[in-house]
Amino acid sequence: MIMAWVLIAQVMASSAMAAIAWFVQEVHYPLFAGIPNGSDGPPAPGGKTGPAVLDYHAENLRRTRPIVLVPMAVEAATATWLAVFPPVAVGRTATLVGLALVAAVILSTGLVQVPLHAALRDGVATSDTIDQLVRSTRWRTVVWTARSVLAAWMLHASQASA
């Protein structure tokens, strides 16, 4: 019974993160580039971001963190649990792939997206920083989508064999 709940939690967390990633990738991050930098509109390529971008970014982080931290933590916890205690119908390989996908997204977040956000937060970003954020998040979006499909398959395989 515990395994079923772990698998369900994994599907919910992974699917939530995939949906959030698609929204962020296609809507949210691209809108950063349209924020007026001052009276002249968005920053020119290579131009520094202005106070409007700083304010928008600060509010973005304040509102986004609580929404993504819970499913990311649940996803990491369930992926780890399943890698240690793989369901028989799923096998260890699939759970290790799932854990590797989670690790890849966490590493990308920490090594790529967090520094880009720090540049935006600190006011040293350029419009190129926003473009880098959009491009680098595309990879995470694909990984989270694959992760959610894998999580759904694990739940299905586990339930089908029960």
Foldseek 3Di string as FASTA:
>chain_A
DVLLVLLVLLLVLLVLVLVVLVCCLPPNLVVLQQFQQPPVTGFDFVGFRHDRLLVVLVVCCVVVVVVNVVSLVSNQVSLVVCCVVPQPLLDNVLSVVLNVLSVVLVCLCVPPVVVLSVCSNVRNDGSVSSVSNSVSSVVNSVSSVVSSVSSVVSSVSNVVVD
